Amino acid sequence: MSNEVIRYGIIGCGGIANTHAEALQQIKGAQLVGVSGCSAEEPVSFAKKFGIKSFDSTDLLLQSKKIDAVTICTPSGYHASIAISAAEHKKHAVVEKPLSLTAESAKRVVEAFKNNKVKGSVISQLRFSEEIRKAKQIISSGRLGKIIMTNLNMKYYRSQEYYDSGKWRGTWALDGGGAMMNQGIHGIDMLLFLIGETKNIYGYIRTLTHKIEVEDNAVAVIEFKDGSLGTITASTSMNPAQNKTIEINGTKGTILIEEDRICRLYIENEEDYTADDITMGDSPASHIIKATGHIKQLTDFTQALLEGREPFVSLEDGMRAVDLITSVYASSKTNEIFNK
């Protein structure tokens, strides 16, 4: 590995891989070298588009001494096995969300990176939003007082055509879940970032409006380790879609976040702020991802490798999000509270 540049390979050629490629080509200290796909033919046009090498297989990409790190952009069901293989080939890796489809496989990923002494991260770009970090600082400083209640609402819309556009979409084997695991995981990661780990989880999942295996509607009740309570609502059935919101209530104030912006902040005897406007976040086409958040996270990961430090987002962070979501799924199946 060069002391001045991190040479990257991308594994997977879907829509999100384009976001990773566009981001990496804008980052100082990062060099996009190659790509692999599910077949020898799949990455050819992708490689031509970005002026990089097309590898005939992921094994060949991971064996290449010209690649230091990879980003994993395959369907979700392949994330864990490819990440473990990357670690065993001594490659650092950034995994698209979710880290894996089960808490057990997520733990195996974490252990593989530790055992092989390579660094990993999972895409959680909301943690790099300036206003999300401001909210974290406000909460951690105690300015809201003791946290009492948190409500996360993610009411999205996805058409049947969206699910039909890929055979893996909406399946347990490769998507791993629906409104919570696919669309909702970024909001859930933000919830864990702001409030902390959970203690007890109870949830329901249902498939109400789409012809898919996984859930398109879910609700959960959470008790956090700090003693506060919370709720999660996730849907891909809402027409029209609504912006993601998270409201956090403490004994001294309230903060309301819409998408990645603070739209209301009230602190007793200190501050009362309301944002002038909020851009609509989840339009019917909003699953087309902008590269801004990925640029910030991949920049941090690149610098972490160059500086020999840990990245801001850890694999353990990704594991905790998967653990929460799969606990909701298990609770819905068994009608029991899951203790953490």
C-alpha atoms as a PDB file:
ATOM      1  CA  MET A   1       0.000   0.000   0.000  1.00  0.00           C
ATOM      2  CA  SER A   2       1.387   3.389  -1.008  1.00  0.00           C
ATOM      3  CA  ASN A   3       1.919   5.997   1.697  1.00  0.00           C
ATOM      4  CA  GLU A   4       0.302   8.610  -0.523  1.00  0.00           C
ATOM      5  CA  VAL A   5      -2.618   6.906  -2.225  1.00  0.00           C
ATOM      6  CA  ILE A   6      -5.124   4.153  -1.496  1.00  0.00           C
ATOM      7  CA  ARG A   7      -5.892   2.061  -4.567  1.00  0.00           C
ATOM      8  CA  TYR A   8      -9.532   0.938  -4.652  1.00  0.00           C
ATOM      9  CA  GLY A   9     -11.501  -1.746  -6.390  1.00  0.00           C
ATOM     10  CA  ILE A  10     -15.298  -1.793  -6.563  1.00  0.00           C
ATOM     11  CA  ILE A  11     -17.167  -5.094  -6.255  1.00  0.00           C
ATOM     12  CA  GLY A  12     -20.606  -4.986  -7.853  1.00  0.00           C
ATOM     13  CA  CYS A  13     -21.861  -2.884 -10.758  1.00  0.00           C
ATOM     14  CA  GLY A  14     -25.364  -1.787  -9.673  1.00  0.00           C
ATOM     15  CA  GLY A  15     -26.617   1.767  -9.314  1.00  0.00           C
ATOM     16  CA  ILE A  16     -24.861   2.425  -6.007  1.00  0.00           C
ATOM     17  CA  ALA A  17     -21.530   1.368  -7.518  1.00  0.00           C
ATOM     18  CA  ASN A  18     -21.720   4.427  -9.764  1.00  0.00           C
ATOM     19  CA  THR A  19     -22.050   6.598  -6.648  1.00  0.00           C
ATOM     20  CA  HIS A  20     -18.945   4.973  -5.147  1.00  0.00           C
ATOM     21  CA  ALA A  21     -16.974   5.419  -8.386  1.00  0.00           C
ATOM     22  CA  GLU A  22     -17.976   9.066  -8.736  1.00  0.00           C
ATOM     23  CA  ALA A  23     -17.043   9.692  -5.100  1.00  0.00           C
ATOM     24  CA  LEU A  24     -13.677   7.929  -5.226  1.00  0.00           C
ATOM     25  CA  GLN A  25     -12.625   9.803  -8.337  1.00  0.00           C
ATOM     26  CA  GLN A  26     -13.094  13.091  -6.447  1.00  0.00           C
ATOM     27  CA  ILE A  27     -11.131  12.173  -3.313  1.00  0.00           C
ATOM     28  CA  LYS A  28      -7.536  13.215  -2.765  1.00  0.00           C
ATOM     29  CA  GLY A  29      -5.487  10.185  -1.777  1.00  0.00           C
ATOM     30  CA  ALA A  30      -7.872   7.719  -3.442  1.00  0.00           C
ATOM     31  CA  GLN A  31      -7.325   6.036  -6.810  1.00  0.00           C
ATOM     32  CA  LEU A  32     -10.026   3.906  -8.418  1.00  0.00           C
ATOM     33  CA  VAL A  33      -8.242   1.004 -10.110  1.00  0.00           C
ATOM     34  CA  GLY A  34     -10.736  -1.698 -11.037  1.00  0.00           C
ATOM     35  CA  VAL A  35     -14.144  -3.333 -10.776  1.00  0.00           C
ATOM     36  CA  SER A  36     -15.607  -6.831 -10.692  1.00  0.00           C
ATOM     37  CA  GLY A  37     -19.171  -8.078 -11.032  1.00  0.00           C
ATOM     38  CA  CYS A  38     -21.306 -11.175 -10.924  1.00  0.00           C
ATOM     39  CA  SER A  39     -19.912 -12.311 -14.272  1.00  0.00           C
ATOM     40  CA  ALA A  40     -16.915 -11.569 -16.468  1.00  0.00           C
ATOM     41  CA  GLU A  41     -19.106  -9.512 -18.826  1.00  0.00           C
ATOM     42  CA  GLU A  42     -20.968  -7.386 -16.266  1.00  0.00           C
ATOM     43  CA  PRO A  43     -18.148  -4.985 -15.287  1.00  0.00           C
ATOM     44  CA  VAL A  44     -16.857  -4.313 -18.815  1.00  0.00           C
ATOM     45  CA  SER A  45     -19.067  -1.317 -19.605  1.00  0.00           C
ATOM     46  CA  PHE A  46     -18.684  -0.006 -16.048  1.00  0.00           C
ATOM     47  CA  ALA A  47     -14.894  -0.171 -16.353  1.00  0.00           C
ATOM     48  CA  LYS A  48     -14.988   1.604 -19.704  1.00  0.00           C
ATOM     49  CA  LYS A  49     -17.198   4.361 -18.284  1.00  0.00           C
ATOM     50  CA  PHE A  50     -14.759   5.153 -15.478  1.00  0.00           C
ATOM     51  CA  GLY A  51     -11.506   4.337 -17.273  1.00  0.00           C
ATOM     52  CA  ILE A  52     -10.518   1.476 -14.964  1.00  0.00           C
ATOM     53  CA  LYS A  53      -9.612  -2.234 -15.223  1.00  0.00           C
ATOM     54  CA  SER A  54     -12.359  -4.850 -15.544  1.00  0.00           C
ATOM     55  CA  PHE A  55     -11.594  -7.995 -13.511  1.00  0.00           C
ATOM     56  CA  ASP A  56     -13.098 -11.271 -14.716  1.00  0.00           C
ATOM     57  CA  SER A  57     -13.977 -12.289 -11.158  1.00  0.00           C
ATOM     58  CA  THR A  58     -14.072 -10.917  -7.631  1.00  0.00           C
ATOM     59  CA  ASP A  59     -11.407 -13.462  -6.604  1.00  0.00           C
ATOM     60  CA  LEU A  60      -9.021 -12.040  -9.190  1.00  0.00           C
ATOM     61  CA  LEU A  61      -9.710  -8.490  -7.990  1.00  0.00           C
ATOM     62  CA  LEU A  62      -9.056  -9.491  -4.368  1.00  0.00           C
ATOM     63  CA  GLN A  63      -5.844 -11.278  -5.365  1.00  0.00           C
ATOM     64  CA  SER A  64      -4.509  -8.210  -7.174  1.00  0.00           C
ATOM     65  CA  LYS A  65      -1.472  -6.589  -5.540  1.00  0.00           C
ATOM     66  CA  LYS A  66      -2.459  -3.329  -7.226  1.00  0.00           C
ATOM     67  CA  ILE A  67      -5.517  -2.924  -4.984  1.00  0.00           C
ATOM     68  CA  ASP A  68      -5.350  -1.917  -1.320  1.00  0.00           C
ATOM     69  CA  ALA A  69      -9.043  -1.569  -0.481  1.00  0.00           C
ATOM     70  CA  VAL A  70     -12.463  -2.390  -1.892  1.00  0.00           C
ATOM     71  CA  THR A  71     -15.966  -1.060  -1.696  1.00  0.00           C
ATOM     72  CA  ILE A  72     -18.691  -3.710  -1.764  1.00  0.00           C
ATOM     73  CA  CYS A  73     -21.735  -2.697  -3.806  1.00  0.00           C
ATOM     74  CA  THR A  74     -23.422  -6.022  -4.547  1.00  0.00           C
ATOM     75  CA  PRO A  75     -26.973  -7.003  -3.558  1.00  0.00           C
ATOM     76  CA  SER A  76     -27.207  -7.115   0.239  1.00  0.00           C
ATOM     77  CA  GLY A  77     -27.227 -10.885   0.541  1.00  0.00           C
ATOM     78  CA  TYR A  78     -23.634 -11.090  -0.732  1.00  0.00           C
ATOM     79  CA  HIS A  79     -22.168  -8.385   1.533  1.00  0.00           C
ATOM     80  CA  ALA A  80     -21.022 -10.567   4.425  1.00  0.00           C
ATOM     81  CA  SER A  81     -19.348 -13.337   2.420  1.00  0.00           C
ATOM     82  CA  ILE A  82     -17.514 -10.894   0.150  1.00  0.00           C
ATOM     83  CA  ALA A  83     -16.423  -8.761   3.096  1.00  0.00           C
ATOM     84  CA  ILE A  84     -15.001 -11.803   4.872  1.00  0.00           C
ATOM     85  CA  SER A  85     -13.187 -12.837   1.692  1.00  0.00           C
ATOM     86  CA  ALA A  86     -11.779  -9.315   1.353  1.00  0.00           C
ATOM     87  CA  ALA A  87     -10.455  -9.449   4.916  1.00  0.00           C
ATOM     88  CA  GLU A  88      -8.873 -12.839   4.293  1.00  0.00           C
ATOM     89  CA  HIS A  89      -7.123 -11.366   1.252  1.00  0.00           C
ATOM     90  CA  LYS A  90      -5.831  -8.555   3.500  1.00  0.00           C
ATOM     91  CA  LYS A  91      -7.917  -5.903   1.778  1.00  0.00           C
ATOM     92  CA  HIS A  92      -9.477  -3.029   3.685  1.00  0.00           C
ATOM     93  CA  ALA A  93     -13.162  -2.653   2.827  1.00  0.00           C
ATOM     94  CA  VAL A  94     -16.153  -0.333   2.897  1.00  0.00           C
ATOM     95  CA  VAL A  95     -19.443  -2.239   2.744  1.00  0.00           C
ATOM     96  CA  GLU A  96     -22.655  -0.691   1.471  1.00  0.00           C
ATOM     97  CA  LYS A  97     -25.568  -0.931   3.877  1.00  0.00           C
ATOM     98  CA  PRO A  98     -26.559  -3.277   5.351  1.00  0.00           C
ATOM     99  CA  LEU A  99     -23.365  -4.885   6.629  1.00  0.00           C
ATOM    100  CA  SER A 100     -25.079  -8.277   6.446  1.00  0.00           C
ATOM    101  CA  LEU A 101     -28.521  -9.819   6.728  1.00  0.00           C
ATOM    102  CA  THR A 102     -28.177 -11.377  10.192  1.00  0.00           C
ATOM    103  CA  ALA A 103     -26.591 -10.402  13.481  1.00  0.00           C
ATOM    104  CA  GLU A 104     -24.561 -13.627  13.411  1.00  0.00           C
ATOM    105  CA  SER A 105     -23.051 -12.980   9.980  1.00  0.00           C
ATOM    106  CA  ALA A 106     -22.350  -9.352  10.926  1.00  0.00           C
ATOM    107  CA  LYS A 107     -20.381 -10.605  13.923  1.00  0.00           C
ATOM    108  CA  ARG A 108     -18.376 -12.919  11.664  1.00  0.00           C
ATOM    109  CA  VAL A 109     -17.494  -9.973   9.437  1.00  0.00           C
ATOM    110  CA  VAL A 110     -16.276  -7.946  12.412  1.00  0.00           C
ATOM    111  CA  GLU A 111     -14.171 -10.883  13.649  1.00  0.00           C
ATOM    112  CA  ALA A 112     -12.665 -11.486  10.183  1.00  0.00           C
ATOM    113  CA  PHE A 113     -11.382  -7.914   9.969  1.00  0.00           C
ATOM    114  CA  LYS A 114      -9.961  -8.026  13.484  1.00  0.00           C
ATOM    115  CA  ASN A 115      -8.263 -11.376  12.911  1.00  0.00           C
ATOM    116  CA  ASN A 116      -6.699 -10.244   9.632  1.00  0.00           C
ATOM    117  CA  LYS A 117      -5.714  -6.800  10.964  1.00  0.00           C
ATOM    118  CA  VAL A 118      -7.436  -4.829   8.227  1.00  0.00           C
ATOM    119  CA  LYS A 119      -9.843  -1.917   8.547  1.00  0.00           C
ATOM    120  CA  GLY A 120     -13.498  -1.901   7.605  1.00  0.00           C
ATOM    121  CA  SER A 121     -16.486   0.395   7.589  1.00  0.00           C
ATOM    122  CA  VAL A 122     -20.137   0.319   6.559  1.00  0.00           C
ATOM    123  CA  ILE A 123     -21.780   3.126   4.624  1.00  0.00           C
ATOM    124  CA  SER A 124     -23.596   5.387   7.111  1.00  0.00           C
ATOM    125  CA  GLN A 125     -23.294   8.720   5.362  1.00  0.00           C
ATOM    126  CA  LEU A 126     -25.802  10.549   7.585  1.00  0.00           C
ATOM    127  CA  ARG A 127     -23.222  10.493  10.387  1.00  0.00           C
ATOM    128  CA  PHE A 128     -21.191  12.932   8.284  1.00  0.00           C
ATOM    129  CA  SER A 129     -23.962  15.540   8.041  1.00  0.00           C
ATOM    130  CA  GLU A 130     -22.914  18.714   9.881  1.00  0.00           C
ATOM    131  CA  GLU A 131     -26.367  19.117  11.404  1.00  0.00           C
ATOM    132  CA  ILE A 132     -26.573  15.495  12.538  1.00  0.00           C
ATOM    133  CA  ARG A 133     -23.218  15.967  14.262  1.00  0.00           C
ATOM    134  CA  LYS A 134     -24.497  19.200  15.815  1.00  0.00           C
ATOM    135  CA  ALA A 135     -27.533  17.315  17.121  1.00  0.00           C
ATOM    136  CA  LYS A 136     -25.247  14.623  18.557  1.00  0.00           C
ATOM    137  CA  GLN A 137     -23.192  17.288  20.355  1.00  0.00           C
ATOM    138  CA  ILE A 138     -26.314  18.950  21.777  1.00  0.00           C
ATOM    139  CA  ILE A 139     -27.610  15.630  23.110  1.00  0.00           C
ATOM    140  CA  SER A 140     -24.238  14.467  24.468  1.00  0.00           C
ATOM    141  CA  SER A 141     -23.629  17.791  26.215  1.00  0.00           C
ATOM    142  CA  GLY A 142     -26.850  17.416  28.210  1.00  0.00           C
ATOM    143  CA  ARG A 143     -28.414  20.593  26.844  1.00  0.00           C
ATOM    144  CA  LEU A 144     -31.684  18.705  26.228  1.00  0.00           C
ATOM    145  CA  GLY A 145     -31.535  17.303  29.752  1.00  0.00           C
ATOM    146  CA  LYS A 146     -32.306  13.662  30.330  1.00  0.00           C
ATOM    147  CA  ILE A 147     -33.619  12.029  27.161  1.00  0.00           C
ATOM    148  CA  ILE A 148     -37.175  10.754  27.615  1.00  0.00           C
ATOM    149  CA  MET A 149     -38.644   9.877  24.215  1.00  0.00           C
ATOM    150  CA  THR A 150     -37.443   9.467  20.628  1.00  0.00           C
ATOM    151  CA  ASN A 151     -39.682   8.933  17.591  1.00  0.00           C
ATOM    152  CA  LEU A 152     -38.263   7.935  14.201  1.00  0.00           C
ATOM    153  CA  ASN A 153     -40.665   8.087  11.250  1.00  0.00           C
ATOM    154  CA  MET A 154     -39.693   6.833   7.800  1.00  0.00           C
ATOM    155  CA  LYS A 155     -42.740   6.909   5.521  1.00  0.00           C
ATOM    156  CA  TYR A 156     -41.461   6.255   2.016  1.00  0.00           C
ATOM    157  CA  TYR A 157     -42.985   5.224  -1.287  1.00  0.00           C
ATOM    158  CA  ARG A 158     -41.728   2.543  -3.640  1.00  0.00           C
ATOM    159  CA  SER A 159     -43.746   1.332  -6.598  1.00  0.00           C
ATOM    160  CA  GLN A 160     -44.211  -2.290  -7.557  1.00  0.00           C
ATOM    161  CA  GLU A 161     -42.091  -1.479 -10.598  1.00  0.00           C
ATOM    162  CA  TYR A 162     -39.217  -0.552  -8.276  1.00  0.00           C
ATOM    163  CA  TYR A 163     -39.315  -4.005  -6.677  1.00  0.00           C
ATOM    164  CA  ASP A 164     -39.747  -5.720 -10.040  1.00  0.00           C
ATOM    165  CA  SER A 165     -36.677  -3.926 -11.462  1.00  0.00           C
ATOM    166  CA  GLY A 166     -34.299  -6.435  -9.867  1.00  0.00           C
ATOM    167  CA  LYS A 167     -34.883 -10.088  -9.029  1.00  0.00           C
ATOM    168  CA  TRP A 168     -33.122  -9.622  -5.669  1.00  0.00           C
ATOM    169  CA  ARG A 169     -35.313  -6.718  -4.541  1.00  0.00           C
ATOM    170  CA  GLY A 170     -37.935  -7.575  -1.957  1.00  0.00           C
ATOM    171  CA  THR A 171     -36.505 -11.032  -1.216  1.00  0.00           C
ATOM    172  CA  TRP A 172     -35.349 -12.344   2.147  1.00  0.00           C
ATOM    173  CA  ALA A 173     -32.364 -14.129   0.611  1.00  0.00           C
ATOM    174  CA  LEU A 174     -30.754 -11.107  -1.066  1.00  0.00           C
ATOM    175  CA  ASP A 175     -32.513  -7.976   0.246  1.00  0.00           C
ATOM    176  CA  GLY A 176     -32.723  -9.280   3.803  1.00  0.00           C
ATOM    177  CA  GLY A 177     -35.786  -7.219   4.592  1.00  0.00           C
ATOM    178  CA  GLY A 178     -37.820  -4.339   3.279  1.00  0.00           C
ATOM    179  CA  ALA A 179     -38.868  -0.998   4.713  1.00  0.00           C
ATOM    180  CA  MET A 180     -36.553  -1.400   7.726  1.00  0.00           C
ATOM    181  CA  MET A 181     -33.530  -3.248   6.323  1.00  0.00           C
ATOM    182  CA  ASN A 182     -33.313  -1.618   2.910  1.00  0.00           C
ATOM    183  CA  GLN A 183     -34.897   1.829   3.059  1.00  0.00           C
ATOM    184  CA  GLY A 184     -34.895   2.371   6.833  1.00  0.00           C
ATOM    185  CA  ILE A 185     -31.430   1.312   7.922  1.00  0.00           C
ATOM    186  CA  HIS A 186     -29.886   4.779   7.528  1.00  0.00           C
ATOM    187  CA  GLY A 187     -32.522   6.273   9.816  1.00  0.00           C
ATOM    188  CA  ILE A 188     -32.012   3.462  12.303  1.00  0.00           C
ATOM    189  CA  ASP A 189     -28.249   4.004  12.230  1.00  0.00           C
ATOM    190  CA  MET A 190     -28.871   7.712  12.890  1.00  0.00           C
ATOM    191  CA  LEU A 191     -31.112   6.777  15.831  1.00  0.00           C
ATOM    192  CA  LEU A 192     -28.366   4.621  17.348  1.00  0.00           C
ATOM    193  CA  PHE A 193     -25.753   7.323  16.695  1.00  0.00           C
ATOM    194  CA  LEU A 194     -27.809   9.978  18.483  1.00  0.00           C
ATOM    195  CA  ILE A 195     -29.321   7.999  21.376  1.00  0.00           C
ATOM    196  CA  GLY A 196     -27.148   4.932  21.889  1.00  0.00           C
ATOM    197  CA  GLU A 197     -27.677   1.209  22.264  1.00  0.00           C
ATOM    198  CA  THR A 198     -30.990  -0.527  22.880  1.00  0.00           C
ATOM    199  CA  LYS A 199     -32.119  -2.731  25.756  1.00  0.00           C
ATOM    200  CA  ASN A 200     -35.544  -4.131  24.784  1.00  0.00           C
ATOM    201  CA  ILE A 201     -37.256  -4.305  21.387  1.00  0.00           C
ATOM    202  CA  TYR A 202     -40.793  -5.231  20.376  1.00  0.00           C
ATOM    203  CA  GLY A 203     -42.044  -4.976  16.811  1.00  0.00           C
ATOM    204  CA  TYR A 204     -44.473  -5.842  14.066  1.00  0.00           C
ATOM    205  CA  ILE A 205     -43.748  -6.238  10.359  1.00  0.00           C
ATOM    206  CA  ARG A 206     -46.358  -6.653   7.636  1.00  0.00           C
ATOM    207  CA  THR A 207     -46.557  -6.826   3.834  1.00  0.00           C
ATOM    208  CA  LEU A 208     -49.627  -4.780   2.994  1.00  0.00           C
ATOM    209  CA  THR A 209     -49.380  -3.179  -0.464  1.00  0.00           C
ATOM    210  CA  HIS A 210     -46.704  -4.887  -2.566  1.00  0.00           C
ATOM    211  CA  LYS A 211     -46.147  -8.319  -4.085  1.00  0.00           C
ATOM    212  CA  ILE A 212     -42.851  -8.995  -2.278  1.00  0.00           C
ATOM    213  CA  GLU A 213     -41.552 -11.446   0.327  1.00  0.00           C
ATOM    214  CA  VAL A 214     -40.329  -8.852   2.806  1.00  0.00           C
ATOM    215  CA  GLU A 215     -42.154  -6.196   4.819  1.00  0.00           C
ATOM    216  CA  ASP A 216     -43.386  -2.923   3.356  1.00  0.00           C
ATOM    217  CA  ASN A 217     -44.641  -1.678   6.743  1.00  0.00           C
ATOM    218  CA  ALA A 218     -43.119  -1.994  10.210  1.00  0.00           C
ATOM    219  CA  VAL A 219     -43.442  -0.504  13.686  1.00  0.00           C
ATOM    220  CA  ALA A 220     -41.270  -1.032  16.750  1.00  0.00           C
ATOM    221  CA  VAL A 221     -41.147   0.055  20.376  1.00  0.00           C
ATOM    222  CA  ILE A 222     -37.693   0.495  21.898  1.00  0.00           C
ATOM    223  CA  GLU A 223     -36.307   0.791  25.405  1.00  0.00           C
ATOM    224  CA  PHE A 224     -32.781   2.210  25.259  1.00  0.00           C
ATOM    225  CA  LYS A 225     -29.990   1.408  27.685  1.00  0.00           C
ATOM    226  CA  ASP A 226     -30.203   4.960  29.054  1.00  0.00           C
ATOM    227  CA  GLY A 227     -33.789   4.203  30.160  1.00  0.00           C
ATOM    228  CA  SER A 228     -35.511   6.342  27.520  1.00  0.00           C
ATOM    229  CA  LEU A 229     -38.241   5.033  25.226  1.00  0.00           C
ATOM    230  CA  GLY A 230     -38.649   5.241  21.470  1.00  0.00           C
ATOM    231  CA  THR A 231     -40.675   4.231  18.460  1.00  0.00           C
ATOM    232  CA  ILE A 232     -39.765   3.408  14.870  1.00  0.00           C
ATOM    233  CA  THR A 233     -42.187   3.564  11.948  1.00  0.00           C
ATOM    234  CA  ALA A 234     -41.027   2.395   8.521  1.00  0.00           C
ATOM    235  CA  SER A 235     -42.999   2.052   5.303  1.00  0.00           C
ATOM    236  CA  THR A 236     -42.622   1.950   1.535  1.00  0.00           C
ATOM    237  CA  SER A 237     -46.391   2.258   1.035  1.00  0.00           C
ATOM    238  CA  MET A 238     -46.991   5.940   1.770  1.00  0.00           C
ATOM    239  CA  ASN A 239     -48.381   7.929  -1.154  1.00  0.00           C
ATOM    240  CA  PRO A 240     -47.194  10.621  -1.221  1.00  0.00           C
ATOM    241  CA  ALA A 241     -43.913   9.879   0.493  1.00  0.00           C
ATOM    242  CA  GLN A 242     -42.922  11.964   3.484  1.00  0.00           C
ATOM    243  CA  ASN A 243     -39.587  13.235   4.718  1.00  0.00           C
ATOM    244  CA  LYS A 244     -37.805  11.119   7.312  1.00  0.00           C
ATOM    245  CA  THR A 245     -38.098  12.710  10.756  1.00  0.00           C
ATOM    246  CA  ILE A 246     -36.612  11.980  14.151  1.00  0.00           C
ATOM    247  CA  GLU A 247     -37.878  13.868  17.201  1.00  0.00           C
ATOM    248  CA  ILE A 248     -35.916  13.677  20.445  1.00  0.00           C
ATOM    249  CA  ASN A 249     -37.505  14.912  23.648  1.00  0.00           C
ATOM    250  CA  GLY A 250     -35.549  15.633  26.815  1.00  0.00           C
ATOM    251  CA  THR A 251     -36.418  17.168  30.173  1.00  0.00           C
ATOM    252  CA  LYS A 252     -35.027  20.539  29.029  1.00  0.00           C
ATOM    253  CA  GLY A 253     -35.929  20.628  25.359  1.00  0.00           C
ATOM    254  CA  THR A 254     -36.711  19.046  22.026  1.00  0.00           C
ATOM    255  CA  ILE A 255     -34.872  18.614  18.755  1.00  0.00           C
ATOM    256  CA  LEU A 256     -36.652  17.703  15.518  1.00  0.00           C
ATOM    257  CA  ILE A 257     -34.604  16.548  12.537  1.00  0.00           C
ATOM    258  CA  GLU A 258     -36.088  16.309   9.054  1.00  0.00           C
ATOM    259  CA  GLU A 259     -33.938  14.336   6.608  1.00  0.00           C
ATOM    260  CA  ASP A 260     -30.463  15.498   7.671  1.00  0.00           C
ATOM    261  CA  ARG A 261     -31.379  19.001   8.874  1.00  0.00           C
ATOM    262  CA  ILE A 262     -32.435  20.356  12.248  1.00  0.00           C
ATOM    263  CA  CYS A 263     -35.833  21.918  11.570  1.00  0.00           C
ATOM    264  CA  ARG A 264     -36.780  22.701  15.191  1.00  0.00           C
ATOM    265  CA  LEU A 265     -34.610  23.136  18.266  1.00  0.00           C
ATOM    266  CA  TYR A 266     -36.031  24.235  21.589  1.00  0.00           C
ATOM    267  CA  ILE A 267     -33.856  24.397  24.693  1.00  0.00           C
ATOM    268  CA  GLU A 268     -35.393  25.789  27.867  1.00  0.00           C
ATOM    269  CA  ASN A 269     -34.093  29.295  28.686  1.00  0.00           C
ATOM    270  CA  GLU A 270     -31.601  29.066  25.854  1.00  0.00           C
ATOM    271  CA  GLU A 271     -32.736  28.608  22.276  1.00  0.00           C
ATOM    272  CA  ASP A 272     -35.857  28.325  20.139  1.00  0.00           C
ATOM    273  CA  TYR A 273     -35.033  27.809  16.478  1.00  0.00           C
ATOM    274  CA  THR A 274     -37.147  26.836  13.480  1.00  0.00           C
ATOM    275  CA  ALA A 275     -35.678  26.275  10.017  1.00  0.00           C
ATOM    276  CA  ASP A 276     -37.095  28.377   7.198  1.00  0.00           C
ATOM    277  CA  ASP A 277     -37.494  25.546   4.734  1.00  0.00           C
ATOM    278  CA  ILE A 278     -36.756  21.857   4.320  1.00  0.00           C
ATOM    279  CA  THR A 279     -36.165  20.218   0.936  1.00  0.00           C
ATOM    280  CA  MET A 280     -38.358  17.243   0.154  1.00  0.00           C
ATOM    281  CA  GLY A 281     -36.211  14.220   0.788  1.00  0.00           C
ATOM    282  CA  ASP A 282     -38.090  11.130  -0.354  1.00  0.00           C
ATOM    283  CA  SER A 283     -39.737  11.857  -3.658  1.00  0.00           C
ATOM    284  CA  PRO A 284     -40.775   8.832  -5.740  1.00  0.00           C
ATOM    285  CA  ALA A 285     -37.334   8.933  -7.433  1.00  0.00           C
ATOM    286  CA  SER A 286     -35.313   9.776  -4.331  1.00  0.00           C
ATOM    287  CA  HIS A 287     -33.661   6.354  -4.151  1.00  0.00           C
ATOM    288  CA  ILE A 288     -31.276   7.786  -6.757  1.00  0.00           C
ATOM    289  CA  ILE A 289     -28.428   8.589  -4.374  1.00  0.00           C
ATOM    290  CA  LYS A 290     -26.323  11.747  -4.506  1.00  0.00           C
ATOM    291  CA  ALA A 291     -22.608  11.257  -3.921  1.00  0.00           C
ATOM    292  CA  THR A 292     -22.093  14.009  -1.321  1.00  0.00           C
ATOM    293  CA  GLY A 293     -22.391  11.816   1.770  1.00  0.00           C
ATOM    294  CA  HIS A 294     -20.354   9.032   0.171  1.00  0.00           C
ATOM    295  CA  ILE A 295     -17.585  11.496  -0.666  1.00  0.00           C
ATOM    296  CA  LYS A 296     -17.387  12.536   2.983  1.00  0.00           C
ATOM    297  CA  GLN A 297     -17.360   8.977   4.301  1.00  0.00           C
ATOM    298  CA  LEU A 298     -14.950   7.579   1.710  1.00  0.00           C
ATOM    299  CA  THR A 299     -12.662  10.557   2.322  1.00  0.00           C
ATOM    300  CA  ASP A 300     -12.637   9.735   6.040  1.00  0.00           C
ATOM    301  CA  PHE A 301     -11.927   6.054   5.296  1.00  0.00           C
ATOM    302  CA  THR A 302      -9.110   6.921   2.892  1.00  0.00           C
ATOM    303  CA  GLN A 303      -7.530   9.274   5.406  1.00  0.00           C
ATOM    304  CA  ALA A 304      -7.919   6.671   8.164  1.00  0.00           C
ATOM    305  CA  LEU A 305      -5.887   4.209   6.087  1.00  0.00           C
ATOM    306  CA  LEU A 306      -3.236   6.787   5.228  1.00  0.00           C
ATOM    307  CA  GLU A 307      -2.963   7.994   8.833  1.00  0.00           C
ATOM    308  CA  GLY A 308      -3.162   4.555  10.460  1.00  0.00           C
ATOM    309  CA  ARG A 309      -6.238   5.410  12.528  1.00  0.00           C
ATOM    310  CA  GLU A 310      -9.724   3.905  12.808  1.00  0.00           C
ATOM    311  CA  PRO A 311     -12.468   5.208  10.481  1.00  0.00           C
ATOM    312  CA  PHE A 312     -15.251   7.336  11.980  1.00  0.00           C
ATOM    313  CA  VAL A 313     -17.847   4.639  11.213  1.00  0.00           C
ATOM    314  CA  SER A 314     -16.915   1.157  12.407  1.00  0.00           C
ATOM    315  CA  LEU A 315     -18.093  -2.282  11.365  1.00  0.00           C
ATOM    316  CA  GLU A 316     -19.513  -2.597  14.880  1.00  0.00           C
ATOM    317  CA  ASP A 317     -21.770   0.375  14.108  1.00  0.00           C
ATOM    318  CA  GLY A 318     -23.122  -1.514  11.114  1.00  0.00           C
ATOM    319  CA  MET A 319     -23.541  -4.646  13.220  1.00  0.00           C
ATOM    320  CA  ARG A 320     -25.655  -2.784  15.794  1.00  0.00           C
ATOM    321  CA  ALA A 321     -28.051  -1.498  13.115  1.00  0.00           C
ATOM    322  CA  VAL A 322     -28.498  -5.003  11.676  1.00  0.00           C
ATOM    323  CA  ASP A 323     -29.002  -6.387  15.177  1.00  0.00           C
ATOM    324  CA  LEU A 324     -31.797  -3.910  15.928  1.00  0.00           C
ATOM    325  CA  ILE A 325     -33.613  -4.600  12.667  1.00  0.00           C
ATOM    326  CA  THR A 326     -33.373  -8.388  12.894  1.00  0.00           C
ATOM    327  CA  SER A 327     -34.594  -8.182  16.491  1.00  0.00           C
ATOM    328  CA  VAL A 328     -37.723  -6.402  15.229  1.00  0.00           C
ATOM    329  CA  TYR A 329     -38.195  -9.173  12.660  1.00  0.00           C
ATOM    330  CA  ALA A 330     -37.744 -11.869  15.308  1.00  0.00           C
ATOM    331  CA  SER A 331     -40.116 -10.113  17.706  1.00  0.00           C
ATOM    332  CA  SER A 332     -42.807  -9.904  15.047  1.00  0.00           C
ATOM    333  CA  LYS A 333     -42.426 -13.609  14.313  1.00  0.00           C
ATOM    334  CA  THR A 334     -42.475 -14.764  17.936  1.00  0.00           C
ATOM    335  CA  ASN A 335     -44.640 -12.023  19.464  1.00  0.00           C
ATOM    336  CA  GLU A 336     -41.992 -11.607  22.164  1.00  0.00           C
ATOM    337  CA  ILE A 337     -39.845  -8.777  23.516  1.00  0.00           C
ATOM    338  CA  PHE A 338     -36.207  -9.161  22.519  1.00  0.00           C
ATOM    339  CA  ASN A 339     -33.708  -8.322  25.244  1.00  0.00           C
ATOM    340  CA  LYS A 340     -30.298  -7.042  24.212  1.00  0.00           C
END
